[in-house]
Amino acid sequence: MSRIRWQQDQVAGVPLNRHVGFVGPVEVGSVAYDGSNRFWIWSTPLQEDAWGYGPTEHAAKAALEAWLASWLGHFAPFFQPDSGPQA
């Protein structure tokens, strides 16, 4: 089960082929259908050059979630309690 809450984007009440993902109140990414190329593109506002694509909406959402988990893993040491005095 995804930790990302997906919300379909809309303009003037008309649903779009774009979904925005949130973790709590933070927007972590979006997936949108590219009709000219017939695939779903994912992107994130958390890193400017991070994006990718998938053949389906589900595949693009899974790819974004995999990228996000990997990217957040780099921050794990920041959240770990100190293991002792620093030299």
Protein backbone atom coordinates (compact mmCIF):
# COMPACT_ATOMS: atom_id res chain seq x y z
CA MET A 1 0.00 0.00 0.00
CA SER A 2 1.32 3.40 -0.97
CA ARG A 3 2.08 6.03 1.63
CA ILE A 4 1.29 8.64 -0.99
CA ARG A 5 -2.27 10.00 -1.12
CA TRP A 6 -3.18 10.67 -4.73
CA GLN A 7 -5.64 13.35 -5.77
CA GLN A 8 -6.87 13.84 -9.33
CA ASP A 9 -6.18 17.35 -10.55
CA GLN A 10 -8.97 19.41 -12.09
CA VAL A 11 -9.61 22.75 -13.71
CA ALA A 12 -13.00 24.43 -13.27
CA GLY A 13 -14.41 21.16 -11.98
CA VAL A 14 -13.23 19.18 -15.02
CA PRO A 15 -10.98 16.23 -14.06
CA LEU A 16 -7.60 16.08 -15.82
CA ASN A 17 -5.32 13.15 -16.67
CA ARG A 18 -3.01 14.39 -13.92
CA HIS A 19 -2.74 13.19 -10.35
CA VAL A 20 -0.93 14.99 -7.53
CA GLY A 21 0.62 12.98 -4.70
CA PHE A 22 0.82 14.12 -1.08
CA VAL A 23 2.41 12.76 2.07
CA GLY A 24 0.56 14.61 4.79
CA PRO A 25 0.29 18.24 3.63
CA VAL A 26 3.46 18.04 1.48
CA GLU A 27 3.19 17.65 -2.29
CA VAL A 28 5.77 15.01 -3.24
CA GLY A 29 5.03 14.52 -6.91
CA SER A 30 2.64 14.22 -9.79
CA VAL A 31 1.91 11.94 -12.73
CA ALA A 32 0.38 13.23 -15.94
CA TYR A 33 -0.58 11.60 -19.21
CA ASP A 34 1.38 12.67 -22.28
CA GLY A 35 -1.07 11.99 -25.10
CA SER A 36 1.37 12.70 -27.92
CA ASN A 37 3.82 10.04 -26.67
CA ARG A 38 1.19 7.84 -24.98
CA PHE A 39 2.88 7.41 -21.63
CA TRP A 40 2.61 8.76 -18.09
CA ILE A 41 5.28 11.17 -16.85
CA TRP A 42 6.13 11.49 -13.17
CA SER A 43 7.91 14.45 -11.62
CA THR A 44 8.53 15.89 -8.19
CA PRO A 45 8.87 19.41 -6.82
CA LEU A 46 11.44 18.08 -4.32
CA GLN A 47 14.25 17.92 -6.89
CA GLU A 48 14.28 19.94 -10.08
CA ASP A 49 15.73 17.35 -12.45
CA ALA A 50 13.96 14.24 -11.11
CA TRP A 51 11.40 12.79 -13.49
CA GLY A 52 10.61 9.64 -15.36
CA TYR A 53 7.84 7.84 -17.16
CA GLY A 54 5.81 4.67 -17.27
CA PRO A 55 3.52 2.96 -19.75
CA THR A 56 0.58 3.21 -17.35
CA GLU A 57 -0.59 5.52 -14.58
CA HIS A 58 0.12 2.80 -12.01
CA ALA A 59 3.65 2.23 -13.35
CA ALA A 60 4.47 5.95 -13.21
CA LYS A 61 3.14 6.21 -9.63
CA ALA A 62 5.21 3.17 -8.60
CA ALA A 63 8.33 4.64 -10.23
CA LEU A 64 7.84 7.93 -8.39
CA GLU A 65 7.38 6.12 -5.10
CA ALA A 66 10.54 4.03 -5.68
CA TRP A 67 12.54 7.17 -6.52
CA LEU A 68 11.15 8.98 -3.47
CA ALA A 69 12.04 6.12 -1.09
CA SER A 70 15.58 6.02 -2.47
CA TRP A 71 16.00 9.80 -2.34
CA LEU A 72 14.68 10.03 1.22
CA GLY A 73 17.08 7.25 2.26
CA HIS A 74 19.94 9.72 1.84
CA PHE A 75 18.45 11.76 4.69
CA ALA A 76 18.17 8.84 7.15
CA PRO A 77 21.39 9.71 9.05
CA PHE A 78 19.96 13.14 9.80
CA PHE A 79 17.06 11.59 11.68
CA GLN A 80 19.11 9.00 13.59
CA PRO A 81 19.93 9.79 17.21
CA ASP A 82 23.57 10.59 17.91
CA SER A 83 25.56 7.45 18.66
CA GLY A 84 28.06 9.26 20.82
CA PRO A 85 30.26 12.31 21.09
CA GLN A 86 31.70 13.68 17.85
CA ALA A 87 35.47 14.06 17.66
